[in-house]
Every structure is written in structure tokens, then in C-alpha cells.
Full PDB file with SEQRES, HELIX, SHEET, SSBOND, CRYST1, ORIGX, SCALE, CONECT and MASTER records, all heavy atoms in Angstrom:
SEQRES   1 A   38  ASP LEU LEU ASN LEU THR THR GLU GLU ALA THR GLU ARG          
SEQRES   2 A   38  ASN ASP ALA LEU ASP PHE LEU ASP LYS TYR LEU LEU GLU          
SEQRES   3 A   38  SER GLY GLY THR ALA LYS ALA SER ASP VAL GLN LYS              
HELIX    1 AA1 THR A    7  GLU A   26  1                                  20    
HELIX    2 AA2 ALA A   33  GLN A   37  1                                   5    
CRYST1    1.000    1.000    1.000  90.00  90.00  90.00 P 1           1          
ORIGX1      1.000000  0.000000  0.000000        0.00000                         
ORIGX2      0.000000  1.000000  0.000000        0.00000                         
ORIGX3      0.000000  0.000000  1.000000        0.00000                         
SCALE1      1.000000  0.000000  0.000000        0.00000                         
SCALE2      0.000000  1.000000  0.000000        0.00000                         
SCALE3      0.000000  0.000000  1.000000        0.00000                         
ATOM      1  N   ASP A   1     -11.752   6.007  20.063  1.00  0.00           N  
ATOM      2  CA  ASP A   1     -10.321   5.833  19.724  1.00  0.00           C  
ATOM      3  C   ASP A   1     -10.187   5.165  18.374  1.00  0.00           C  
ATOM      4  O   ASP A   1      -9.209   5.466  17.638  1.00  0.00           O  
ATOM      5  CB  ASP A   1      -9.621   4.949  20.782  1.00  0.00           C  
ATOM      6  CG  ASP A   1      -9.772   5.470  22.171  1.00  0.00           C  
ATOM      7  OD1 ASP A   1      -9.857   6.712  22.331  1.00  0.00           O  
ATOM      8  OD2 ASP A   1      -9.800   4.665  23.114  1.00  0.00           O  
ATOM      9  N   LEU A   2     -11.086   4.279  18.044  1.00  0.00           N  
ATOM     10  CA  LEU A   2     -10.944   3.463  16.851  1.00  0.00           C  
ATOM     11  C   LEU A   2     -11.329   4.210  15.575  1.00  0.00           C  
ATOM     12  O   LEU A   2     -10.767   3.989  14.504  1.00  0.00           O  
ATOM     13  CB  LEU A   2     -11.794   2.201  16.964  1.00  0.00           C  
ATOM     14  CG  LEU A   2     -11.446   1.294  18.162  1.00  0.00           C  
ATOM     15  CD1 LEU A   2     -12.513   0.221  18.316  1.00  0.00           C  
ATOM     16  CD2 LEU A   2     -10.079   0.682  18.030  1.00  0.00           C  
ATOM     17  N   LEU A   3     -12.286   5.117  15.688  1.00  0.00           N  
ATOM     18  CA  LEU A   3     -12.884   5.742  14.515  1.00  0.00           C  
ATOM     19  C   LEU A   3     -12.507   7.200  14.324  1.00  0.00           C  
ATOM     20  O   LEU A   3     -12.558   7.702  13.197  1.00  0.00           O  
ATOM     21  CB  LEU A   3     -14.407   5.634  14.581  1.00  0.00           C  
ATOM     22  CG  LEU A   3     -14.971   4.206  14.551  1.00  0.00           C  
ATOM     23  CD1 LEU A   3     -16.486   4.269  14.572  1.00  0.00           C  
ATOM     24  CD2 LEU A   3     -14.475   3.466  13.336  1.00  0.00           C  
ATOM     25  N   ASN A   4     -12.152   7.886  15.393  1.00  0.00           N  
ATOM     26  CA  ASN A   4     -11.984   9.343  15.303  1.00  0.00           C  
ATOM     27  C   ASN A   4     -10.553   9.714  14.946  1.00  0.00           C  
ATOM     28  O   ASN A   4      -9.784  10.124  15.793  1.00  0.00           O  
ATOM     29  CB  ASN A   4     -12.374  10.008  16.607  1.00  0.00           C  
ATOM     30  CG  ASN A   4     -13.864   9.877  16.872  1.00  0.00           C  
ATOM     31  OD1 ASN A   4     -14.620   9.531  15.986  1.00  0.00           O  
ATOM     32  ND2 ASN A   4     -14.285  10.143  18.074  1.00  0.00           N  
ATOM     33  N   LEU A   5     -10.189   9.543  13.699  1.00  0.00           N  
ATOM     34  CA  LEU A   5      -8.901  10.025  13.232  1.00  0.00           C  
ATOM     35  C   LEU A   5      -8.921  11.548  13.269  1.00  0.00           C  
ATOM     36  O   LEU A   5      -9.864  12.201  12.822  1.00  0.00           O  
ATOM     37  CB  LEU A   5      -8.655   9.593  11.777  1.00  0.00           C  
ATOM     38  CG  LEU A   5      -8.183   8.153  11.555  1.00  0.00           C  
ATOM     39  CD1 LEU A   5      -8.054   7.902  10.073  1.00  0.00           C  
ATOM     40  CD2 LEU A   5      -6.845   7.933  12.226  1.00  0.00           C  
ATOM     41  N   THR A   6      -7.887  12.165  13.834  1.00  0.00           N  
ATOM     42  CA  THR A   6      -7.803  13.603  13.834  1.00  0.00           C  
ATOM     43  C   THR A   6      -7.436  14.064  12.411  1.00  0.00           C  
ATOM     44  O   THR A   6      -6.972  13.291  11.568  1.00  0.00           O  
ATOM     45  CB  THR A   6      -6.703  14.084  14.792  1.00  0.00           C  
ATOM     46  OG1 THR A   6      -5.452  13.639  14.314  1.00  0.00           O  
ATOM     47  CG2 THR A   6      -6.956  13.568  16.178  1.00  0.00           C  
ATOM     48  N   THR A   7      -7.663  15.345  12.138  1.00  0.00           N  
ATOM     49  CA  THR A   7      -7.331  15.880  10.822  1.00  0.00           C  
ATOM     50  C   THR A   7      -5.844  15.736  10.541  1.00  0.00           C  
ATOM     51  O   THR A   7      -5.426  15.379   9.438  1.00  0.00           O  
ATOM     52  CB  THR A   7      -7.702  17.375  10.784  1.00  0.00           C  
ATOM     53  OG1 THR A   7      -9.077  17.527  11.104  1.00  0.00           O  
ATOM     54  CG2 THR A   7      -7.414  17.976   9.420  1.00  0.00           C  
ATOM     55  N   GLU A   8      -5.025  15.889  11.572  1.00  0.00           N  
ATOM     56  CA  GLU A   8      -3.573  15.761  11.401  1.00  0.00           C  
ATOM     57  C   GLU A   8      -3.210  14.329  11.019  1.00  0.00           C  
ATOM     58  O   GLU A   8      -2.388  14.099  10.104  1.00  0.00           O  
ATOM     59  CB  GLU A   8      -2.861  16.162  12.678  1.00  0.00           C  
ATOM     60  CG  GLU A   8      -1.335  16.111  12.591  1.00  0.00           C  
ATOM     61  CD  GLU A   8      -0.680  16.544  13.875  1.00  0.00           C  
ATOM     62  OE1 GLU A   8      -1.384  17.077  14.753  1.00  0.00           O  
ATOM     63  OE2 GLU A   8       0.553  16.385  13.970  1.00  0.00           O  
ATOM     64  N   GLU A   9      -3.806  13.321  11.671  1.00  0.00           N  
ATOM     65  CA  GLU A   9      -3.510  11.934  11.389  1.00  0.00           C  
ATOM     66  C   GLU A   9      -3.984  11.555   9.983  1.00  0.00           C  
ATOM     67  O   GLU A   9      -3.273  10.852   9.271  1.00  0.00           O  
ATOM     68  CB  GLU A   9      -4.171  11.028  12.420  1.00  0.00           C  
ATOM     69  CG  GLU A   9      -3.521  11.118  13.799  1.00  0.00           C  
ATOM     70  CD  GLU A   9      -4.361  10.393  14.846  1.00  0.00           C  
ATOM     71  OE1 GLU A   9      -5.596  10.374  14.706  1.00  0.00           O  
ATOM     72  OE2 GLU A   9      -3.795   9.851  15.806  1.00  0.00           O  
ATOM     73  N   ALA A  10      -5.155  12.014   9.636  1.00  0.00           N  
ATOM     74  CA  ALA A  10      -5.694  11.708   8.290  1.00  0.00           C  
ATOM     75  C   ALA A  10      -4.819  12.329   7.218  1.00  0.00           C  
ATOM     76  O   ALA A  10      -4.564  11.707   6.180  1.00  0.00           O  
ATOM     77  CB  ALA A  10      -7.138  12.214   8.210  1.00  0.00           C  
ATOM     78  N   THR A  11      -4.372  13.557   7.441  1.00  0.00           N  
ATOM     79  CA  THR A  11      -3.508  14.235   6.489  1.00  0.00           C  
ATOM     80  C   THR A  11      -2.190  13.510   6.333  1.00  0.00           C  
ATOM     81  O   THR A  11      -1.674  13.319   5.205  1.00  0.00           O  
ATOM     82  CB  THR A  11      -3.256  15.696   6.918  1.00  0.00           C  
ATOM     83  OG1 THR A  11      -4.516  16.363   7.032  1.00  0.00           O  
ATOM     84  CG2 THR A  11      -2.382  16.414   5.921  1.00  0.00           C  
ATOM     85  N   GLU A  12      -1.625  13.040   7.478  1.00  0.00           N  
ATOM     86  CA  GLU A  12      -0.362  12.330   7.438  1.00  0.00           C  
ATOM     87  C   GLU A  12      -0.485  11.056   6.610  1.00  0.00           C  
ATOM     88  O   GLU A  12       0.392  10.690   5.811  1.00  0.00           O  
ATOM     89  CB  GLU A  12       0.121  12.016   8.841  1.00  0.00           C  
ATOM     90  CG  GLU A  12       1.468  11.276   8.857  1.00  0.00           C  
ATOM     91  CD  GLU A  12       1.903  10.892  10.272  1.00  0.00           C  
ATOM     92  OE1 GLU A  12       1.107  11.053  11.187  1.00  0.00           O  
ATOM     93  OE2 GLU A  12       3.046  10.408  10.390  1.00  0.00           O  
ATOM     94  N   ARG A  13      -1.585  10.339   6.795  1.00  0.00           N  
ATOM     95  CA  ARG A  13      -1.772   9.079   6.051  1.00  0.00           C  
ATOM     96  C   ARG A  13      -1.910   9.324   4.587  1.00  0.00           C  
ATOM     97  O   ARG A  13      -1.376   8.604   3.739  1.00  0.00           O  
ATOM     98  CB  ARG A  13      -3.017   8.342   6.612  1.00  0.00           C  
ATOM     99  CG  ARG A  13      -3.218   6.986   6.005  1.00  0.00           C  
ATOM    100  CD  ARG A  13      -4.308   6.202   6.695  1.00  0.00           C  
ATOM    101  NE  ARG A  13      -3.988   5.983   8.094  1.00  0.00           N  
ATOM    102  CZ  ARG A  13      -4.786   5.316   8.942  1.00  0.00           C  
ATOM    103  NH1 ARG A  13      -5.947   4.836   8.500  1.00  0.00           N  
ATOM    104  NH2 ARG A  13      -4.459   5.133  10.194  1.00  0.00           N  
ATOM    105  N   ASN A  14      -2.669  10.360   4.207  1.00  0.00           N  
ATOM    106  CA  ASN A  14      -2.827  10.707   2.797  1.00  0.00           C  
ATOM    107  C   ASN A  14      -1.514  11.161   2.188  1.00  0.00           C  
ATOM    108  O   ASN A  14      -1.213  10.840   1.019  1.00  0.00           O  
ATOM    109  CB  ASN A  14      -3.905  11.795   2.642  1.00  0.00           C  
ATOM    110  CG  ASN A  14      -5.303  11.277   2.938  1.00  0.00           C  
ATOM    111  OD1 ASN A  14      -5.574  10.083   2.807  1.00  0.00           O  
ATOM    112  ND2 ASN A  14      -6.198  12.163   3.358  1.00  0.00           N  
ATOM    113  N   ASP A  15      -0.737  11.919   2.953  1.00  0.00           N  
ATOM    114  CA  ASP A  15       0.580  12.366   2.454  1.00  0.00           C  
ATOM    115  C   ASP A  15       1.509  11.175   2.222  1.00  0.00           C  
ATOM    116  O   ASP A  15       2.264  11.134   1.245  1.00  0.00           O  
ATOM    117  CB  ASP A  15       1.233  13.345   3.458  1.00  0.00           C  
ATOM    118  CG  ASP A  15       0.545  14.704   3.474  1.00  0.00           C  
ATOM    119  OD1 ASP A  15      -0.251  14.961   2.543  1.00  0.00           O  
ATOM    120  OD2 ASP A  15       0.798  15.476   4.430  1.00  0.00           O  
ATOM    121  N   ALA A  16       1.448  10.185   3.129  1.00  0.00           N  
ATOM    122  CA  ALA A  16       2.254   9.003   2.984  1.00  0.00           C  
ATOM    123  C   ALA A  16       1.844   8.190   1.748  1.00  0.00           C  
ATOM    124  O   ALA A  16       2.704   7.657   1.021  1.00  0.00           O  
ATOM    125  CB  ALA A  16       2.152   8.123   4.222  1.00  0.00           C  
ATOM    126  N   LEU A  17       0.570   8.162   1.496  1.00  0.00           N  
ATOM    127  CA  LEU A  17       0.051   7.478   0.319  1.00  0.00           C  
ATOM    128  C   LEU A  17       0.560   8.159  -0.947  1.00  0.00           C  
ATOM    129  O   LEU A  17       1.008   7.500  -1.888  1.00  0.00           O  
ATOM    130  CB  LEU A  17      -1.490   7.451   0.346  1.00  0.00           C  
ATOM    131  CG  LEU A  17      -2.203   6.738  -0.789  1.00  0.00           C  
ATOM    132  CD1 LEU A  17      -1.860   5.225  -0.743  1.00  0.00           C  
ATOM    133  CD2 LEU A  17      -3.695   6.919  -0.682  1.00  0.00           C  
ATOM    134  N   ASP A  18       0.487   9.477  -0.995  1.00  0.00           N  
ATOM    135  CA  ASP A  18       1.006  10.222  -2.140  1.00  0.00           C  
ATOM    136  C   ASP A  18       2.508  10.002  -2.348  1.00  0.00           C  
ATOM    137  O   ASP A  18       2.987   9.837  -3.474  1.00  0.00           O  
ATOM    138  CB  ASP A  18       0.729  11.737  -1.969  1.00  0.00           C  
ATOM    139  CG  ASP A  18      -0.775  12.050  -2.037  1.00  0.00           C  
ATOM    140  OD1 ASP A  18      -1.524  11.196  -2.587  1.00  0.00           O  
ATOM    141  OD2 ASP A  18      -1.161  13.100  -1.522  1.00  0.00           O  
ATOM    142  N   PHE A  19       3.241  10.024  -1.220  1.00  0.00           N  
ATOM    143  CA  PHE A  19       4.691   9.793  -1.285  1.00  0.00           C  
ATOM    144  C   PHE A  19       4.995   8.433  -1.888  1.00  0.00           C  
ATOM    145  O   PHE A  19       5.833   8.288  -2.793  1.00  0.00           O  
ATOM    146  CB  PHE A  19       5.314   9.907   0.112  1.00  0.00           C  
ATOM    147  CG  PHE A  19       6.654   9.200   0.231  1.00  0.00           C  
ATOM    148  CD1 PHE A  19       7.809   9.842  -0.189  1.00  0.00           C  
ATOM    149  CD2 PHE A  19       6.727   7.907   0.754  1.00  0.00           C  
ATOM    150  CE1 PHE A  19       9.026   9.195  -0.104  1.00  0.00           C  
ATOM    151  CE2 PHE A  19       7.946   7.275   0.827  1.00  0.00           C  
ATOM    152  CZ  PHE A  19       9.107   7.923   0.415  1.00  0.00           C  
ATOM    153  N   LEU A  20       4.332   7.399  -1.402  1.00  0.00           N  
ATOM    154  CA  LEU A  20       4.592   6.027  -1.809  1.00  0.00           C  
ATOM    155  C   LEU A  20       4.242   5.832  -3.269  1.00  0.00           C  
ATOM    156  O   LEU A  20       4.970   5.205  -4.029  1.00  0.00           O  
ATOM    157  CB  LEU A  20       3.832   5.043  -0.930  1.00  0.00           C  
ATOM    158  CG  LEU A  20       4.106   3.557  -1.126  1.00  0.00           C  
ATOM    159  CD1 LEU A  20       5.588   3.251  -0.975  1.00  0.00           C  
ATOM    160  CD2 LEU A  20       3.262   2.750  -0.166  1.00  0.00           C  
ATOM    161  N   ASP A  21       3.091   6.366  -3.676  1.00  0.00           N  
ATOM    162  CA  ASP A  21       2.633   6.256  -5.057  1.00  0.00           C  
ATOM    163  C   ASP A  21       3.651   6.879  -6.011  1.00  0.00           C  
ATOM    164  O   ASP A  21       4.069   6.261  -6.986  1.00  0.00           O  
ATOM    165  CB  ASP A  21       1.267   6.960  -5.191  1.00  0.00           C  
ATOM    166  CG  ASP A  21       0.715   6.904  -6.599  1.00  0.00           C  
ATOM    167  OD1 ASP A  21       0.664   5.768  -7.155  1.00  0.00           O  
ATOM    168  OD2 ASP A  21       0.375   7.951  -7.161  1.00  0.00           O  
ATOM    169  N   LYS A  22       4.123   8.064  -5.675  1.00  0.00           N  
ATOM    170  CA  LYS A  22       5.079   8.813  -6.524  1.00  0.00           C  
ATOM    171  C   LYS A  22       6.449   8.088  -6.509  1.00  0.00           C  
ATOM    172  O   LYS A  22       7.067   7.929  -7.576  1.00  0.00           O  
ATOM    173  CB  LYS A  22       5.240  10.210  -5.988  1.00  0.00           C  
ATOM    174  CG  LYS A  22       6.176  11.096  -6.855  1.00  0.00           C  
ATOM    175  CD  LYS A  22       6.220  12.509  -6.296  1.00  0.00           C  
ATOM    176  CE  LYS A  22       7.178  13.372  -7.120  1.00  0.00           C  
ATOM    177  NZ  LYS A  22       7.259  14.770  -6.561  1.00  0.00           N  
ATOM    178  N   TYR A  23       6.903   7.661  -5.336  1.00  0.00           N  
ATOM    179  CA  TYR A  23       8.211   7.053  -5.235  1.00  0.00           C  
ATOM    180  C   TYR A  23       8.310   5.749  -6.075  1.00  0.00           C  
ATOM    181  O   TYR A  23       9.283   5.521  -6.796  1.00  0.00           O  
ATOM    182  CB  TYR A  23       8.547   6.749  -3.768  1.00  0.00           C  
ATOM    183  CG  TYR A  23       9.931   6.142  -3.573  1.00  0.00           C  
ATOM    184  CD1 TYR A  23      11.056   6.975  -3.451  1.00  0.00           C  
ATOM    185  CD2 TYR A  23      10.108   4.759  -3.504  1.00  0.00           C  
ATOM    186  CE1 TYR A  23      12.317   6.432  -3.297  1.00  0.00           C  
ATOM    187  CE2 TYR A  23      11.349   4.213  -3.335  1.00  0.00           C  
ATOM    188  CZ  TYR A  23      12.480   5.038  -3.231  1.00  0.00           C  
ATOM    189  OH  TYR A  23      13.727   4.499  -3.072  1.00  0.00           O  
ATOM    190  N   LEU A  24       7.291   4.910  -5.963  1.00  0.00           N  
ATOM    191  CA  LEU A  24       7.312   3.634  -6.698  1.00  0.00           C  
ATOM    192  C   LEU A  24       7.213   3.855  -8.211  1.00  0.00           C  
ATOM    193  O   LEU A  24       7.876   3.191  -8.989  1.00  0.00           O  
ATOM    194  CB  LEU A  24       6.181   2.733  -6.213  1.00  0.00           C  
ATOM    195  CG  LEU A  24       6.331   2.147  -4.819  1.00  0.00           C  
ATOM    196  CD1 LEU A  24       5.117   1.312  -4.452  1.00  0.00           C  
ATOM    197  CD2 LEU A  24       7.596   1.323  -4.701  1.00  0.00           C  
ATOM    198  N   LEU A  25       6.365   4.815  -8.617  1.00  0.00           N  
ATOM    199  CA  LEU A  25       6.242   5.078 -10.047  1.00  0.00           C  
ATOM    200  C   LEU A  25       7.563   5.648 -10.629  1.00  0.00           C  
ATOM    201  O   LEU A  25       7.984   5.291 -11.721  1.00  0.00           O  
ATOM    202  CB  LEU A  25       5.092   6.072 -10.296  1.00  0.00           C  
ATOM    203  CG  LEU A  25       3.674   5.485 -10.083  1.00  0.00           C  
ATOM    204  CD1 LEU A  25       2.631   6.573 -10.263  1.00  0.00           C  
ATOM    205  CD2 LEU A  25       3.412   4.316 -11.012  1.00  0.00           C  
ATOM    206  N   GLU A  26       8.185   6.550  -9.841  1.00  0.00           N  
ATOM    207  CA  GLU A  26       9.452   7.107 -10.306  1.00  0.00           C  
ATOM    208  C   GLU A  26      10.585   6.094 -10.290  1.00  0.00           C  
ATOM    209  O   GLU A  26      11.597   6.260 -10.948  1.00  0.00           O  
ATOM    210  CB  GLU A  26       9.844   8.320  -9.446  1.00  0.00           C  
ATOM    211  CG  GLU A  26       8.961   9.541  -9.656  1.00  0.00           C  
ATOM    212  CD  GLU A  26       9.352  10.717  -8.791  1.00  0.00           C  
ATOM    213  OE1 GLU A  26      10.158  10.493  -7.861  1.00  0.00           O  
ATOM    214  OE2 GLU A  26       8.829  11.819  -9.005  1.00  0.00           O  
ATOM    215  N   SER A  27      10.401   4.986  -9.545  1.00  0.00           N  
ATOM    216  CA  SER A  27      11.382   3.896  -9.508  1.00  0.00           C  
ATOM    217  C   SER A  27      11.081   2.828 -10.514  1.00  0.00           C  
ATOM    218  O   SER A  27      11.640   1.731 -10.471  1.00  0.00           O  
ATOM    219  CB  SER A  27      11.404   3.268  -8.093  1.00  0.00           C  
ATOM    220  OG  SER A  27      11.755   4.247  -7.111  1.00  0.00           O  
ATOM    221  N   GLY A  28      10.188   3.125 -11.447  1.00  0.00           N  
ATOM    222  CA  GLY A  28       9.843   2.136 -12.463  1.00  0.00           C  
ATOM    223  C   GLY A  28       8.774   1.164 -12.023  1.00  0.00           C  
ATOM    224  O   GLY A  28       8.560   0.149 -12.662  1.00  0.00           O  
ATOM    225  N   GLY A  29       8.120   1.448 -10.915  1.00  0.00           N  
ATOM    226  CA  GLY A  29       7.040   0.594 -10.433  1.00  0.00           C  
ATOM    227  C   GLY A  29       7.496  -0.394  -9.353  1.00  0.00           C  
ATOM    228  O   GLY A  29       6.662  -0.991  -8.692  1.00  0.00           O  
ATOM    229  N   THR A  30       8.827  -0.560  -9.197  1.00  0.00           N  
ATOM    230  CA  THR A  30       9.342  -1.528  -8.233  1.00  0.00           C  
ATOM    231  C   THR A  30      10.531  -0.945  -7.494  1.00  0.00           C  
ATOM    232  O   THR A  30      11.377  -0.256  -8.095  1.00  0.00           O  
ATOM    233  CB  THR A  30       9.785  -2.815  -8.934  1.00  0.00           C  
ATOM    234  OG1 THR A  30       8.707  -3.313  -9.748  1.00  0.00           O  
ATOM    235  CG2 THR A  30      10.210  -3.861  -7.933  1.00  0.00           C  
ATOM    236  N   ALA A  31      10.600  -1.200  -6.171  1.00  0.00           N  
ATOM    237  CA  ALA A  31      11.735  -0.733  -5.401  1.00  0.00           C  
ATOM    238  C   ALA A  31      11.976  -1.671  -4.207  1.00  0.00           C  
ATOM    239  O   ALA A  31      11.061  -2.370  -3.768  1.00  0.00           O  
ATOM    240  CB  ALA A  31      11.477   0.691  -4.871  1.00  0.00           C  
ATOM    241  N   LYS A  32      13.232  -1.735  -3.758  1.00  0.00           N  
ATOM    242  CA  LYS A  32      13.524  -2.553  -2.583  1.00  0.00           C  
ATOM    243  C   LYS A  32      12.793  -1.977  -1.358  1.00  0.00           C  
ATOM    244  O   LYS A  32      12.712  -0.745  -1.171  1.00  0.00           O  
ATOM    245  CB  LYS A  32      15.031  -2.539  -2.320  1.00  0.00           C  
ATOM    246  CG  LYS A  32      15.847  -3.385  -3.246  1.00  0.00           C  
ATOM    247  CD  LYS A  32      17.314  -3.382  -2.819  1.00  0.00           C  
ATOM    248  CE  LYS A  32      18.150  -4.224  -3.765  1.00  0.00           C  
ATOM    249  NZ  LYS A  32      19.586  -4.223  -3.382  1.00  0.00           N  
ATOM    250  N   ALA A  33      12.248  -2.883  -0.546  1.00  0.00           N  
ATOM    251  CA  ALA A  33      11.527  -2.468   0.654  1.00  0.00           C  
ATOM    252  C   ALA A  33      12.383  -1.594   1.545  1.00  0.00           C  
ATOM    253  O   ALA A  33      11.936  -0.608   2.126  1.00  0.00           O  
ATOM    254  CB  ALA A  33      10.995  -3.679   1.406  1.00  0.00           C  
ATOM    255  N   SER A  34      13.660  -1.969   1.678  1.00  0.00           N  
ATOM    256  CA  SER A  34      14.581  -1.206   2.570  1.00  0.00           C  
ATOM    257  C   SER A  34      14.785   0.211   2.038  1.00  0.00           C  
ATOM    258  O   SER A  34      14.867   1.159   2.832  1.00  0.00           O  
ATOM    259  CB  SER A  34      15.930  -1.929   2.669  1.00  0.00           C  
ATOM    260  OG  SER A  34      16.526  -2.120   1.387  1.00  0.00           O  
ATOM    261  N   ASP A  35      14.849   0.361   0.697  1.00  0.00           N  
ATOM    262  CA  ASP A  35      15.018   1.706   0.128  1.00  0.00           C  
ATOM    263  C   ASP A  35      13.780   2.575   0.347  1.00  0.00           C  
ATOM    264  O   ASP A  35      13.849   3.762   0.672  1.00  0.00           O  
ATOM    265  CB  ASP A  35      15.336   1.618  -1.376  1.00  0.00           C  
ATOM    266  CG  ASP A  35      16.704   1.004  -1.648  1.00  0.00           C  
ATOM    267  OD1 ASP A  35      17.527   1.020  -0.703  1.00  0.00           O  
ATOM    268  OD2 ASP A  35      16.913   0.548  -2.772  1.00  0.00           O  
ATOM    269  N   VAL A  36      12.593   1.941   0.164  1.00  0.00           N  
ATOM    270  CA  VAL A  36      11.329   2.666   0.369  1.00  0.00           C  
ATOM    271  C   VAL A  36      11.235   3.147   1.807  1.00  0.00           C  
ATOM    272  O   VAL A  36      10.927   4.286   2.090  1.00  0.00           O  
ATOM    273  CB  VAL A  36      10.126   1.750   0.043  1.00  0.00           C  
ATOM    274  CG1 VAL A  36       8.820   2.506   0.276  1.00  0.00           C  
ATOM    275  CG2 VAL A  36      10.187   1.269  -1.394  1.00  0.00           C  
ATOM    276  N   GLN A  37      11.539   2.261   2.744  1.00  0.00           N  
ATOM    277  CA  GLN A  37      11.404   2.615   4.159  1.00  0.00           C  
ATOM    278  C   GLN A  37      12.432   3.687   4.569  1.00  0.00           C  
ATOM    279  O   GLN A  37      12.147   4.557   5.372  1.00  0.00           O  
ATOM    280  CB  GLN A  37      11.587   1.352   5.006  1.00  0.00           C  
ATOM    281  CG  GLN A  37      10.448   0.361   4.843  1.00  0.00           C  
ATOM    282  CD  GLN A  37      10.703  -1.005   5.449  1.00  0.00           C  
ATOM    283  OE1 GLN A  37      11.714  -1.200   6.096  1.00  0.00           O  
ATOM    284  NE2 GLN A  37       9.792  -1.929   5.207  1.00  0.00           N  
ATOM    285  N   LYS A  38      13.643   3.621   3.952  1.00  0.00           N  
ATOM    286  CA  LYS A  38      14.679   4.608   4.271  1.00  0.00           C  
ATOM    287  C   LYS A  38      14.231   6.007   3.770  1.00  0.00           C  
ATOM    288  O   LYS A  38      14.308   7.012   4.509  1.00  0.00           O  
ATOM    289  CB  LYS A  38      15.983   4.242   3.592  1.00  0.00           C  
ATOM    290  CG  LYS A  38      17.151   5.149   3.918  1.00  0.00           C  
ATOM    291  CD  LYS A  38      18.387   4.800   3.112  1.00  0.00           C  
ATOM    292  CE  LYS A  38      18.844   3.392   3.439  1.00  0.00           C  
ATOM    293  NZ  LYS A  38      20.081   3.023   2.695  1.00  0.00           N  
TER     294      LYS A  38                                                      
MASTER        0    0    0    2    0    0    0    6  293    1    0    3          
END                                                                             
């Protein structure tokens, strides 16, 4: 359970990382936590 990330879960995490990286950079490097989460 601890180590076997499914392909779908791993893909979702990588997609979230790409989203966050792009969103913060497009926001000038800084954004309100509430806006990011929304």
C-alpha cells in the first residue's frame, strides 16, 4: 500500500506538479494560497 503507486496516481501527482509550477510562475512567482487551491 505504501510503495505501489498506480500509474494513474503517479500521473495525477505529476500533473498537479506541472499545474502548480506553471500557475505560480504565471502569477509572478507568488500567489495567495486560497487562489491556488481554488
